[in-house]
PDB file of N, CA and C in Angstrom:
ATOM      1  N   MET A   1     -48.715 -29.248-193.505  1.00  0.00           N
ATOM      2  CA  MET A   1     -48.394 -28.503-192.303  1.00  0.00           C
ATOM      3  C   MET A   1     -49.503 -27.481-192.078  1.00  0.00           C
ATOM      4  N   LYS A   2     -49.892 -27.331-190.829  1.00  0.00           N
ATOM      5  CA  LYS A   2     -50.897 -26.330-190.494  1.00  0.00           C
ATOM      6  C   LYS A   2     -50.328 -24.933-190.731  1.00  0.00           C
ATOM      7  N   ARG A   3     -51.214 -24.010-191.066  1.00  0.00           N
ATOM      8  CA  ARG A   3     -50.787 -22.625-191.307  1.00  0.00           C
ATOM      9  C   ARG A   3     -50.081 -22.063-190.081  1.00  0.00           C
ATOM     10  N   SER A   4     -50.585 -22.350-188.888  1.00  0.00           N
ATOM     11  CA  SER A   4     -49.976 -21.809-187.659  1.00  0.00           C
ATOM     12  C   SER A   4     -48.546 -22.323-187.480  1.00  0.00           C
ATOM     13  N   GLU A   5     -48.278 -23.568-187.854  1.00  0.00           N
ATOM     14  CA  GLU A   5     -46.928 -24.117-187.758  1.00  0.00           C
ATOM     15  C   GLU A   5     -45.993 -23.443-188.764  1.00  0.00           C
ATOM     16  N   PHE A   6     -46.512 -23.222-189.965  1.00  0.00           N
ATOM     17  CA  PHE A   6     -45.729 -22.554-190.995  1.00  0.00           C
ATOM     18  C   PHE A   6     -45.419 -21.123-190.562  1.00  0.00           C
ATOM     19  N   GLU A   7     -46.406 -20.422-190.050  1.00  0.00           N
ATOM     20  CA  GLU A   7     -46.210 -19.041-189.603  1.00  0.00           C
ATOM     21  C   GLU A   7     -45.219 -18.960-188.450  1.00  0.00           C
ATOM     22  N   LEU A   8     -45.194 -19.963-187.595  1.00  0.00           N
ATOM     23  CA  LEU A   8     -44.207 -20.004-186.513  1.00  0.00           C
ATOM     24  C   LEU A   8     -42.788 -20.112-187.087  1.00  0.00           C
ATOM     25  N   LEU A   9     -42.610 -20.922-188.109  1.00  0.00           N
ATOM     26  CA  LEU A   9     -41.304 -21.018-188.770  1.00  0.00           C
ATOM     27  C   LEU A   9     -40.909 -19.669-189.367  1.00  0.00           C
ATOM     28  N   VAL A  10     -41.864 -18.975-189.976  1.00  0.00           N
ATOM     29  CA  VAL A  10     -41.589 -17.654-190.548  1.00  0.00           C
ATOM     30  C   VAL A  10     -41.154 -16.690-189.444  1.00  0.00           C
ATOM     31  N   THR A  11     -41.858 -16.694-188.335  1.00  0.00           N
ATOM     32  CA  THR A  11     -41.515 -15.822-187.205  1.00  0.00           C
ATOM     33  C   THR A  11     -40.114 -16.122-186.691  1.00  0.00           C
ATOM     34  N   GLN A  12     -39.777 -17.391-186.580  1.00  0.00           N
ATOM     35  CA  GLN A  12     -38.443 -17.776-186.124  1.00  0.00           C
ATOM     36  C   GLN A  12     -37.370 -17.259-187.077  1.00  0.00           C
ATOM     37  N   VAL A  13     -37.607 -17.422-188.372  1.00  0.00           N
ATOM     38  CA  VAL A  13     -36.647 -16.943-189.371  1.00  0.00           C
ATOM     39  C   VAL A  13     -36.474 -15.435-189.249  1.00  0.00           C
ATOM     40  N   LEU A  14     -37.567 -14.712-189.125  1.00  0.00           N
ATOM     41  CA  LEU A  14     -37.490 -13.250-189.033  1.00  0.00           C
ATOM     42  C   LEU A  14     -36.754 -12.791-187.779  1.00  0.00           C
ATOM     43  N   THR A  15     -36.957 -13.471-186.671  1.00  0.00           N
ATOM     44  CA  THR A  15     -36.286 -13.066-185.430  1.00  0.00           C
ATOM     45  C   THR A  15     -34.802 -13.416-185.444  1.00  0.00           C
ATOM     46  N   GLU A  16     -34.386 -14.307-186.328  1.00  0.00           N
ATOM     47  CA  GLU A  16     -32.978 -14.674-186.431  1.00  0.00           C
ATOM     48  C   GLU A  16     -32.201 -13.790-187.407  1.00  0.00           C
ATOM     49  N   LEU A  17     -32.899 -12.915-188.110  1.00  0.00           N
ATOM     50  CA  LEU A  17     -32.204 -11.987-189.006  1.00  0.00           C
ATOM     51  C   LEU A  17     -31.351 -11.042-188.181  1.00  0.00           C
ATOM     52  N   PRO A  18     -30.235 -10.581-188.738  1.00  0.00           N
ATOM     53  CA  PRO A  18     -29.422  -9.593-188.022  1.00  0.00           C
ATOM     54  C   PRO A  18     -30.259  -8.352-187.685  1.00  0.00           C
ATOM     55  N   LYS A  19     -29.976  -7.757-186.537  1.00  0.00           N
ATOM     56  CA  LYS A  19     -30.752  -6.614-186.042  1.00  0.00           C
ATOM     57  C   LYS A  19     -30.821  -5.479-187.056  1.00  0.00           C
ATOM     58  N   GLU A  20     -29.732  -5.200-187.760  1.00  0.00           N
ATOM     59  CA  GLU A  20     -29.744  -4.097-188.716  1.00  0.00           C
ATOM     60  C   GLU A  20     -30.744  -4.326-189.850  1.00  0.00           C
ATOM     61  N   PHE A  21     -31.014  -5.587-190.191  1.00  0.00           N
ATOM     62  CA  PHE A  21     -32.038  -5.879-191.191  1.00  0.00           C
ATOM     63  C   PHE A  21     -33.431  -5.780-190.578  1.00  0.00           C
ATOM     64  N   GLN A  22     -33.588  -6.296-189.377  1.00  0.00           N
ATOM     65  CA  GLN A  22     -34.879  -6.208-188.697  1.00  0.00           C
ATOM     66  C   GLN A  22     -35.326  -4.760-188.564  1.00  0.00           C
ATOM     67  N   ASP A  23     -34.415  -3.876-188.219  1.00  0.00           N
ATOM     68  CA  ASP A  23     -34.740  -2.464-188.044  1.00  0.00           C
ATOM     69  C   ASP A  23     -35.247  -1.829-189.335  1.00  0.00           C
ATOM     70  N   ARG A  24     -34.729  -2.267-190.469  1.00  0.00           N
ATOM     71  CA  ARG A  24     -35.115  -1.683-191.763  1.00  0.00           C
ATOM     72  C   ARG A  24     -36.351  -2.341-192.357  1.00  0.00           C
ATOM     73  N   LEU A  25     -36.920  -3.305-191.639  1.00  0.00           N
ATOM     74  CA  LEU A  25     -38.113  -4.003-192.128  1.00  0.00           C
ATOM     75  C   LEU A  25     -39.368  -3.634-191.344  1.00  0.00           C
ATOM     76  N   GLN A  26     -39.293  -2.604-190.536  1.00  0.00           N
ATOM     77  CA  GLN A  26     -40.442  -2.240-189.701  1.00  0.00           C
ATOM     78  C   GLN A  26     -41.658  -1.831-190.522  1.00  0.00           C
ATOM     79  N   SER A  27     -41.463  -1.349-191.733  1.00  0.00           N
ATOM     80  CA  SER A  27     -42.582  -0.939-192.577  1.00  0.00           C
ATOM     81  C   SER A  27     -42.966  -2.020-193.591  1.00  0.00           C
ATOM     82  N   VAL A  28     -42.523  -3.249-193.350  1.00  0.00           N
ATOM     83  CA  VAL A  28     -42.793  -4.354-194.262  1.00  0.00           C
ATOM     84  C   VAL A  28     -43.620  -5.418-193.537  1.00  0.00           C
ATOM     85  N   ASP A  29     -44.759  -5.764-194.132  1.00  0.00           N
ATOM     86  CA  ASP A  29     -45.568  -6.862-193.616  1.00  0.00           C
ATOM     87  C   ASP A  29     -45.120  -8.153-194.288  1.00  0.00           C
ATOM     88  N   VAL A  30     -44.996  -9.214-193.509  1.00  0.00           N
ATOM     89  CA  VAL A  30     -44.712 -10.533-194.081  1.00  0.00           C
ATOM     90  C   VAL A  30     -46.017 -11.314-194.006  1.00  0.00           C
ATOM     91  N   VAL A  31     -46.487 -11.742-195.177  1.00  0.00           N
ATOM     92  CA  VAL A  31     -47.804 -12.354-195.310  1.00  0.00           C
ATOM     93  C   VAL A  31     -47.645 -13.770-195.848  1.00  0.00           C
ATOM     94  N   VAL A  32     -48.344 -14.708-195.232  1.00  0.00           N
ATOM     95  CA  VAL A  32     -48.351 -16.095-195.705  1.00  0.00           C
ATOM     96  C   VAL A  32     -49.677 -16.332-196.427  1.00  0.00           C
ATOM     97  N   GLU A  33     -49.577 -16.800-197.651  1.00  0.00           N
ATOM     98  CA  GLU A  33     -50.738 -17.209-198.448  1.00  0.00           C
ATOM     99  C   GLU A  33     -50.478 -18.625-198.935  1.00  0.00           C
ATOM    100  N   ASP A  34     -51.531 -19.301-199.390  1.00  0.00           N
ATOM    101  CA  ASP A  34     -51.366 -20.660-199.885  1.00  0.00           C
ATOM    102  C   ASP A  34     -50.565 -20.664-201.185  1.00  0.00           C
ATOM    103  N   VAL A  35     -51.065 -19.980-202.199  1.00  0.00           N
ATOM    104  CA  VAL A  35     -50.374 -19.827-203.479  1.00  0.00           C
ATOM    105  C   VAL A  35     -50.572 -18.399-203.967  1.00  0.00           C
ATOM    106  N   ALA A  36     -49.793 -18.016-204.951  1.00  0.00           N
ATOM    107  CA  ALA A  36     -49.919 -16.684-205.539  1.00  0.00           C
ATOM    108  C   ALA A  36     -51.218 -16.583-206.324  1.00  0.00           C
ATOM    109  N   THR A  37     -51.769 -15.378-206.358  1.00  0.00           N
ATOM    110  CA  THR A  37     -52.956 -15.131-207.166  1.00  0.00           C
ATOM    111  C   THR A  37     -52.538 -14.945-208.626  1.00  0.00           C
ATOM    112  N   LYS A  38     -53.500 -15.031-209.516  1.00  0.00           N
ATOM    113  CA  LYS A  38     -53.230 -14.787-210.941  1.00  0.00           C
ATOM    114  C   LYS A  38     -52.686 -13.375-211.144  1.00  0.00           C
ATOM    115  N   GLU A  39     -53.193 -12.412-210.371  1.00  0.00           N
ATOM    116  CA  GLU A  39     -52.718 -11.038-210.478  1.00  0.00           C
ATOM    117  C   GLU A  39     -51.259 -10.922-210.046  1.00  0.00           C
ATOM    118  N   GLN A  40     -50.861 -11.687-209.039  1.00  0.00           N
ATOM    119  CA  GLN A  40     -49.486 -11.630-208.552  1.00  0.00           C
ATOM    120  C   GLN A  40     -48.500 -12.239-209.540  1.00  0.00           C
ATOM    121  N   ILE A  41     -48.935 -13.195-210.335  1.00  0.00           N
ATOM    122  CA  ILE A  41     -48.013 -13.802-211.289  1.00  0.00           C
ATOM    123  C   ILE A  41     -48.091 -13.161-212.668  1.00  0.00           C
ATOM    124  N   ALA A  42     -49.107 -12.332-212.900  1.00  0.00           N
ATOM    125  CA  ALA A  42     -49.249 -11.674-214.205  1.00  0.00           C
ATOM    126  C   ALA A  42     -48.028 -10.798-214.482  1.00  0.00           C
ATOM    127  N   GLY A  43     -47.482 -10.927-215.672  1.00  0.00           N
ATOM    128  CA  GLY A  43     -46.343 -10.119-216.070  1.00  0.00           C
ATOM    129  C   GLY A  43     -45.010 -10.611-215.544  1.00  0.00           C
ATOM    130  N   ARG A  44     -45.005 -11.677-214.802  1.00  0.00           N
ATOM    131  CA  ARG A  44     -43.744 -12.248-214.325  1.00  0.00           C
ATOM    132  C   ARG A  44     -43.426 -13.471-215.181  1.00  0.00           C
ATOM    133  N   HIS A  45     -42.243 -14.016-215.029  1.00  0.00           N
ATOM    134  CA  HIS A  45     -41.861 -15.158-215.858  1.00  0.00           C
ATOM    135  C   HIS A  45     -42.435 -16.479-215.354  1.00  0.00           C
ATOM    136  N   PHE A  46     -43.366 -16.420-214.405  1.00  0.00           N
ATOM    137  CA  PHE A  46     -44.031 -17.613-213.900  1.00  0.00           C
ATOM    138  C   PHE A  46     -45.380 -17.759-214.586  1.00  0.00           C
ATOM    139  N   GLU A  47     -45.676 -18.950-215.037  1.00  0.00           N
ATOM    140  CA  GLU A  47     -46.980 -19.211-215.639  1.00  0.00           C
ATOM    141  C   GLU A  47     -47.890 -19.971-214.683  1.00  0.00           C
ATOM    142  N   ASP A  48     -47.335 -20.503-213.642  1.00  0.00           N
ATOM    143  CA  ASP A  48     -48.079 -21.345-212.712  1.00  0.00           C
ATOM    144  C   ASP A  48     -47.884 -20.808-211.303  1.00  0.00           C
ATOM    145  N   GLU A  49     -49.003 -20.514-210.630  1.00  0.00           N
ATOM    146  CA  GLU A  49     -48.902 -19.961-209.281  1.00  0.00           C
ATOM    147  C   GLU A  49     -48.204 -20.897-208.309  1.00  0.00           C
ATOM    148  N   ASP A  50     -48.164 -22.197-208.619  1.00  0.00           N
ATOM    149  CA  ASP A  50     -47.490 -23.146-207.743  1.00  0.00           C
ATOM    150  C   ASP A  50     -45.976 -22.999-207.773  1.00  0.00           C
ATOM    151  N   LEU A  51     -45.430 -22.331-208.779  1.00  0.00           N
ATOM    152  CA  LEU A  51     -43.988 -22.174-208.905  1.00  0.00           C
ATOM    153  C   LEU A  51     -43.454 -20.965-208.148  1.00  0.00           C
ATOM    154  N   LEU A  52     -44.304 -20.003-207.845  1.00  0.00           N
ATOM    155  CA  LEU A  52     -43.876 -18.800-207.160  1.00  0.00           C
ATOM    156  C   LEU A  52     -43.904 -19.052-205.654  1.00  0.00           C
ATOM    157  N   ILE A  53     -42.748 -18.938-204.998  1.00  0.00           N
ATOM    158  CA  ILE A  53     -42.686 -19.238-203.563  1.00  0.00           C
ATOM    159  C   ILE A  53     -42.637 -17.988-202.700  1.00  0.00           C
ATOM    160  N   GLY A  54     -42.230 -16.863-203.291  1.00  0.00           N
ATOM    161  CA  GLY A  54     -42.173 -15.616-202.541  1.00  0.00           C
ATOM    162  C   GLY A  54     -42.288 -14.441-203.477  1.00  0.00           C
ATOM    163  N   LEU A  55     -42.713 -13.303-202.929  1.00  0.00           N
ATOM    164  CA  LEU A  55     -42.909 -12.124-203.750  1.00  0.00           C
ATOM    165  C   LEU A  55     -42.794 -10.880-202.884  1.00  0.00           C
ATOM    166  N   TYR A  56     -42.078  -9.885-203.388  1.00  0.00           N
ATOM    167  CA  TYR A  56     -42.015  -8.577-202.735  1.00  0.00           C
ATOM    168  C   TYR A  56     -42.916  -7.630-203.509  1.00  0.00           C
ATOM    169  N   GLU A  57     -43.815  -6.959-202.817  1.00  0.00           N
ATOM    170  CA  GLU A  57     -44.652  -5.928-203.410  1.00  0.00           C
ATOM    171  C   GLU A  57     -44.466  -4.659-202.604  1.00  0.00           C
ATOM    172  N   GLY A  58     -44.027  -3.615-203.268  1.00  0.00           N
ATOM    173  CA  GLY A  58     -43.837  -2.355-202.580  1.00  0.00           C
ATOM    174  C   GLY A  58     -42.908  -1.446-203.340  1.00  0.00           C
ATOM    175  N   VAL A  59     -42.486  -0.404-202.658  1.00  0.00           N
ATOM    176  CA  VAL A  59     -41.558   0.566-203.233  1.00  0.00           C
ATOM    177  C   VAL A  59     -40.197   0.322-202.585  1.00  0.00           C
ATOM    178  N   PRO A  60     -39.202  -0.098-203.371  1.00  0.00           N
ATOM    179  CA  PRO A  60     -37.873  -0.348-202.802  1.00  0.00           C
ATOM    180  C   PRO A  60     -37.329   0.895-202.108  1.00  0.00           C
ATOM    181  N   LEU A  61     -36.540   0.692-201.088  1.00  0.00           N
ATOM    182  CA  LEU A  61     -35.970   1.807-200.324  1.00  0.00           C
ATOM    183  C   LEU A  61     -35.188   2.766-201.210  1.00  0.00           C
ATOM    184  N   THR A  62     -34.587   2.261-202.278  1.00  0.00           N
ATOM    185  CA  THR A  62     -33.812   3.118-203.166  1.00  0.00           C
ATOM    186  C   THR A  62     -34.684   4.053-203.994  1.00  0.00           C
ATOM    187  N   GLU A  63     -35.995   3.791-204.056  1.00  0.00           N
ATOM    188  CA  GLU A  63     -36.908   4.615-204.844  1.00  0.00           C
ATOM    189  C   GLU A  63     -37.883   5.401-203.977  1.00  0.00           C
ATOM    190  N   LEU A  64     -37.850   5.172-202.692  1.00  0.00           N
ATOM    191  CA  LEU A  64     -38.825   5.758-201.779  1.00  0.00           C
ATOM    192  C   LEU A  64     -38.438   7.177-201.403  1.00  0.00           C
ATOM    193  N   ILE A  65     -39.390   8.098-201.555  1.00  0.00           N
ATOM    194  CA  ILE A  65     -39.169   9.475-201.143  1.00  0.00           C
ATOM    195  C   ILE A  65     -39.719   9.678-199.733  1.00  0.00           C
ATOM    196  N   ASP A  66     -40.948   9.266-199.512  1.00  0.00           N
ATOM    197  CA  ASP A  66     -41.527   9.253-198.171  1.00  0.00           C
ATOM    198  C   ASP A  66     -42.664   8.241-198.146  1.00  0.00           C
ATOM    199  N   TYR A  67     -43.146   7.944-196.961  1.00  0.00           N
ATOM    200  CA  TYR A  67     -44.204   6.953-196.802  1.00  0.00           C
ATOM    201  C   TYR A  67     -45.594   7.575-196.801  1.00  0.00           C
ATOM    202  N   GLY A  68     -45.714   8.847-197.177  1.00  0.00           N
ATOM    203  CA  GLY A  68     -46.980   9.548-197.098  1.00  0.00           C
ATOM    204  C   GLY A  68     -48.127   8.901-197.853  1.00  0.00           C
ATOM    205  N   ASP A  69     -47.906   8.510-199.085  1.00  0.00           N
ATOM    206  CA  ASP A  69     -49.004   8.023-199.921  1.00  0.00           C
ATOM    207  C   ASP A  69     -48.806   6.592-200.423  1.00  0.00           C
ATOM    208  N   VAL A  70     -48.071   5.780-199.706  1.00  0.00           N
ATOM    209  CA  VAL A  70     -47.857   4.413-200.155  1.00  0.00           C
ATOM    210  C   VAL A  70     -48.389   3.420-199.123  1.00  0.00           C
ATOM    211  N   LEU A  71     -48.859   2.309-199.629  1.00  0.00           N
ATOM    212  CA  LEU A  71     -49.288   1.221-198.753  1.00  0.00           C
ATOM    213  C   LEU A  71     -48.057   0.561-198.154  1.00  0.00           C
ATOM    214  N   PRO A  72     -48.214  -0.151-197.055  1.00  0.00           N
ATOM    215  CA  PRO A  72     -47.053  -0.861-196.506  1.00  0.00           C
ATOM    216  C   PRO A  72     -46.513  -1.862-197.524  1.00  0.00           C
ATOM    217  N   ASP A  73     -45.209  -2.001-197.565  1.00  0.00           N
ATOM    218  CA  ASP A  73     -44.600  -3.021-198.406  1.00  0.00           C
ATOM    219  C   ASP A  73     -44.965  -4.385-197.838  1.00  0.00           C
ATOM    220  N   ARG A  74     -44.953  -5.384-198.722  1.00  0.00           N
ATOM    221  CA  ARG A  74     -45.283  -6.741-198.283  1.00  0.00           C
ATOM    222  C   ARG A  74     -44.317  -7.740-198.887  1.00  0.00           C
ATOM    223  N   ILE A  75     -43.977  -8.701-198.080  1.00  0.00           N
ATOM    224  CA  ILE A  75     -43.279  -9.887-198.554  1.00  0.00           C
ATOM    225  C   ILE A  75     -44.265 -11.031-198.400  1.00  0.00           C
ATOM    226  N   TYR A  76     -44.583 -11.662-199.514  1.00  0.00           N
ATOM    227  CA  TYR A  76     -45.488 -12.803-199.497  1.00  0.00           C
ATOM    228  C   TYR A  76     -44.675 -14.081-199.531  1.00  0.00           C
ATOM    229  N   LEU A  77     -45.081 -15.029-198.716  1.00  0.00           N
ATOM    230  CA  LEU A  77     -44.542 -16.385-198.749  1.00  0.00           C
ATOM    231  C   LEU A  77     -45.708 -17.309-199.079  1.00  0.00           C
ATOM    232  N   PHE A  78     -45.527 -18.167-200.084  1.00  0.00           N
ATOM    233  CA  PHE A  78     -46.600 -19.027-200.543  1.00  0.00           C
ATOM    234  C   PHE A  78     -46.377 -20.451-200.016  1.00  0.00           C
ATOM    235  N   GLN A  79     -47.130 -20.757-198.975  1.00  0.00           N
ATOM    236  CA  GLN A  79     -46.919 -21.974-198.201  1.00  0.00           C
ATOM    237  C   GLN A  79     -47.011 -23.242-199.044  1.00  0.00           C
ATOM    238  N   SER A  80     -48.065 -23.399-199.796  1.00  0.00           N
ATOM    239  CA  SER A  80     -48.235 -24.625-200.581  1.00  0.00           C
ATOM    240  C   SER A  80     -47.097 -24.812-201.575  1.00  0.00           C
ATOM    241  N   SER A  81     -46.677 -23.718-202.188  1.00  0.00           N
ATOM    242  CA  SER A  81     -45.583 -23.790-203.155  1.00  0.00           C
ATOM    243  C   SER A  81     -44.271 -24.196-202.485  1.00  0.00           C
ATOM    244  N   ILE A  82     -44.011 -23.628-201.317  1.00  0.00           N
ATOM    245  CA  ILE A  82     -42.792 -23.975-200.576  1.00  0.00           C
ATOM    246  C   ILE A  82     -42.837 -25.434-200.134  1.00  0.00           C
ATOM    247  N   GLU A  83     -43.971 -25.858-199.627  1.00  0.00           N
ATOM    248  CA  GLU A  83     -44.092 -27.247-199.163  1.00  0.00           C
ATOM    249  C   GLU A  83     -43.921 -28.243-200.308  1.00  0.00           C
ATOM    250  N   THR A  84     -44.326 -27.861-201.508  1.00  0.00           N
ATOM    251  CA  THR A  84     -44.182 -28.734-202.668  1.00  0.00           C
ATOM    252  C   THR A  84     -42.714 -29.010-202.970  1.00  0.00           C
ATOM    253  N   LEU A  85     -41.858 -28.024-202.707  1.00  0.00           N
ATOM    254  CA  LEU A  85     -40.429 -28.158-203.000  1.00  0.00           C
ATOM    255  C   LEU A  85     -39.657 -28.915-201.927  1.00  0.00           C
ATOM    256  N   CYS A  86     -40.227 -29.050-200.748  1.00  0.00           N
ATOM    257  CA  CYS A  86     -39.481 -29.544-199.593  1.00  0.00           C
ATOM    258  C   CYS A  86     -40.003 -30.892-199.119  1.00  0.00           C
ATOM    259  N   THR A  87     -39.109 -31.637-198.472  1.00  0.00           N
ATOM    260  CA  THR A  87     -39.488 -32.974-198.001  1.00  0.00           C
ATOM    261  C   THR A  87     -39.675 -33.063-196.491  1.00  0.00           C
ATOM    262  N   ASP A  88     -39.155 -32.067-195.747  1.00  0.00           N
ATOM    263  CA  ASP A  88     -39.321 -32.102-194.296  1.00  0.00           C
ATOM    264  C   ASP A  88     -39.301 -30.685-193.730  1.00  0.00           C
ATOM    265  N   VAL A  89     -39.522 -30.588-192.435  1.00  0.00           N
ATOM    266  CA  VAL A  89     -39.627 -29.293-191.767  1.00  0.00           C
ATOM    267  C   VAL A  89     -38.326 -28.499-191.880  1.00  0.00           C
ATOM    268  N   ASP A  90     -37.194 -29.171-191.783  1.00  0.00           N
ATOM    269  CA  ASP A  90     -35.916 -28.468-191.888  1.00  0.00           C
ATOM    270  C   ASP A  90     -35.753 -27.824-193.270  1.00  0.00           C
ATOM    271  N   GLU A  91     -36.147 -28.541-194.306  1.00  0.00           N
ATOM    272  CA  GLU A  91     -36.068 -27.975-195.659  1.00  0.00           C
ATOM    273  C   GLU A  91     -37.044 -26.810-195.818  1.00  0.00           C
ATOM    274  N   ILE A  92     -38.237 -26.937-195.245  1.00  0.00           N
ATOM    275  CA  ILE A  92     -39.219 -25.852-195.310  1.00  0.00           C
ATOM    276  C   ILE A  92     -38.658 -24.615-194.632  1.00  0.00           C
ATOM    277  N   ARG A  93     -38.092 -24.786-193.468  1.00  0.00           N
ATOM    278  CA  ARG A  93     -37.527 -23.652-192.725  1.00  0.00           C
ATOM    279  C   ARG A  93     -36.399 -22.980-193.520  1.00  0.00           C
ATOM    280  N   GLU A  94     -35.540 -23.775-194.141  1.00  0.00           N
ATOM    281  CA  GLU A  94     -34.442 -23.226-194.935  1.00  0.00           C
ATOM    282  C   GLU A  94     -34.972 -22.514-196.176  1.00  0.00           C
ATOM    283  N   GLU A  95     -35.991 -23.065-196.799  1.00  0.00           N
ATOM    284  CA  GLU A  95     -36.584 -22.412-197.976  1.00  0.00           C
ATOM    285  C   GLU A  95     -37.237 -21.087-197.574  1.00  0.00           C
ATOM    286  N   ILE A  96     -37.889 -21.051-196.427  1.00  0.00           N
ATOM    287  CA  ILE A  96     -38.460 -19.804-195.915  1.00  0.00           C
ATOM    288  C   ILE A  96     -37.343 -18.790-195.713  1.00  0.00           C
ATOM    289  N   ARG A  97     -36.238 -19.203-195.093  1.00  0.00           N
ATOM    290  CA  ARG A  97     -35.120 -18.302-194.824  1.00  0.00           C
ATOM    291  C   ARG A  97     -34.561 -17.728-196.124  1.00  0.00           C
ATOM    292  N   GLN A  98     -34.308 -18.594-197.076  1.00  0.00           N
ATOM    293  CA  GLN A  98     -33.743 -18.146-198.346  1.00  0.00           C
ATOM    294  C   GLN A  98     -34.710 -17.218-199.090  1.00  0.00           C
ATOM    295  N   THR A  99     -35.984 -17.539-199.046  1.00  0.00           N
ATOM    296  CA  THR A  99     -36.984 -16.724-199.740  1.00  0.00           C
ATOM    297  C   THR A  99     -37.130 -15.362-199.081  1.00  0.00           C
ATOM    298  N   VAL A 100     -37.169 -15.329-197.761  1.00  0.00           N
ATOM    299  CA  VAL A 100     -37.256 -14.052-197.046  1.00  0.00           C
ATOM    300  C   VAL A 100     -36.047 -13.181-197.400  1.00  0.00           C
ATOM    301  N   ILE A 101     -34.871 -13.759-197.385  1.00  0.00           N
ATOM    302  CA  ILE A 101     -33.664 -12.988-197.718  1.00  0.00           C
ATOM    303  C   ILE A 101     -33.750 -12.466-199.149  1.00  0.00           C
ATOM    304  N   GLN A 102     -34.187 -13.295-200.085  1.00  0.00           N
ATOM    305  CA  GLN A 102     -34.320 -12.872-201.480  1.00  0.00           C
ATOM    306  C   GLN A 102     -35.287 -11.697-201.607  1.00  0.00           C
ATOM    307  N   GLU A 103     -36.393 -11.745-200.894  1.00  0.00           N
ATOM    308  CA  GLU A 103     -37.384 -10.666-200.989  1.00  0.00           C
ATOM    309  C   GLU A 103     -36.913  -9.402-200.253  1.00  0.00           C
ATOM    310  N   ILE A 104     -36.146  -9.562-199.192  1.00  0.00           N
ATOM    311  CA  ILE A 104     -35.550  -8.406-198.511  1.00  0.00           C
ATOM    312  C   ILE A 104     -34.594  -7.686-199.456  1.00  0.00           C
ATOM    313  N   VAL A 105     -33.856  -8.446-200.235  1.00  0.00           N
ATOM    314  CA  VAL A 105     -32.941  -7.869-201.219  1.00  0.00           C
ATOM    315  C   VAL A 105     -33.720  -6.942-202.164  1.00  0.00           C
ATOM    316  N   HIS A 106     -34.900  -7.384-202.598  1.00  0.00           N
ATOM    317  CA  HIS A 106     -35.732  -6.545-203.465  1.00  0.00           C
ATOM    318  C   HIS A 106     -36.201  -5.292-202.715  1.00  0.00           C
ATOM    319  N   HIS A 107     -36.546  -5.431-201.460  1.00  0.00           N
ATOM    320  CA  HIS A 107     -36.955  -4.283-200.641  1.00  0.00           C
ATOM    321  C   HIS A 107     -35.823  -3.246-200.554  1.00  0.00           C
ATOM    322  N   PHE A 108     -34.601  -3.720-200.502  1.00  0.00           N
ATOM    323  CA  PHE A 108     -33.447  -2.814-200.436  1.00  0.00           C
ATOM    324  C   PHE A 108     -33.075  -2.248-201.802  1.00  0.00           C
ATOM    325  N   GLY A 109     -33.828  -2.630-202.848  1.00  0.00           N
ATOM    326  CA  GLY A 109     -33.608  -2.052-204.168  1.00  0.00           C
ATOM    327  C   GLY A 109     -32.645  -2.792-205.054  1.00  0.00           C
ATOM    328  N   MET A 110     -32.305  -4.008-204.700  1.00  0.00           N
ATOM    329  CA  MET A 110     -31.423  -4.831-205.527  1.00  0.00           C
ATOM    330  C   MET A 110     -32.243  -5.901-206.218  1.00  0.00           C
ATOM    331  N   TYR A 111     -31.850  -6.246-207.447  1.00  0.00           N
ATOM    332  CA  TYR A 111     -32.609  -7.205-208.221  1.00  0.00           C
ATOM    333  C   TYR A 111     -31.705  -8.285-208.767  1.00  0.00           C
ATOM    334  N   ASP A 112     -32.320  -9.365-209.224  1.00  0.00           N
ATOM    335  CA  ASP A 112     -31.587 -10.550-209.662  1.00  0.00           C
ATOM    336  C   ASP A 112     -30.544 -10.246-210.735  1.00  0.00           C
ATOM    337  N   ASP A 113     -30.904  -9.391-211.692  1.00  0.00           N
ATOM    338  CA  ASP A 113     -29.963  -9.113-212.769  1.00  0.00           C
ATOM    339  C   ASP A 113     -28.890  -8.162-212.307  1.00  0.00           C
TER     340      ASP A 113
END
């Protein structure tokens, strides 16, 4: 899939989020990359960048005092990794949706455990 087609799916998913979530994501950039970098997977339980499909980098809202000295938060979606897991466009779109929601959860200060 072309990057522009993948990014269009991401945009569609983001615009379908409930308004109250969209409002709280104004300081979050959503970035599409092919795969995670070695630095992004370092220290995580992933050994292969192809296995990581999404990543939140930033200061969770529960820990944020102010935005004075912090870079914008980012949600990364790794296109090649997502496409590897999916067989068609509908599955890709659903995986994007689930991954975005998972990373938003981290932005709100909640974690898997």
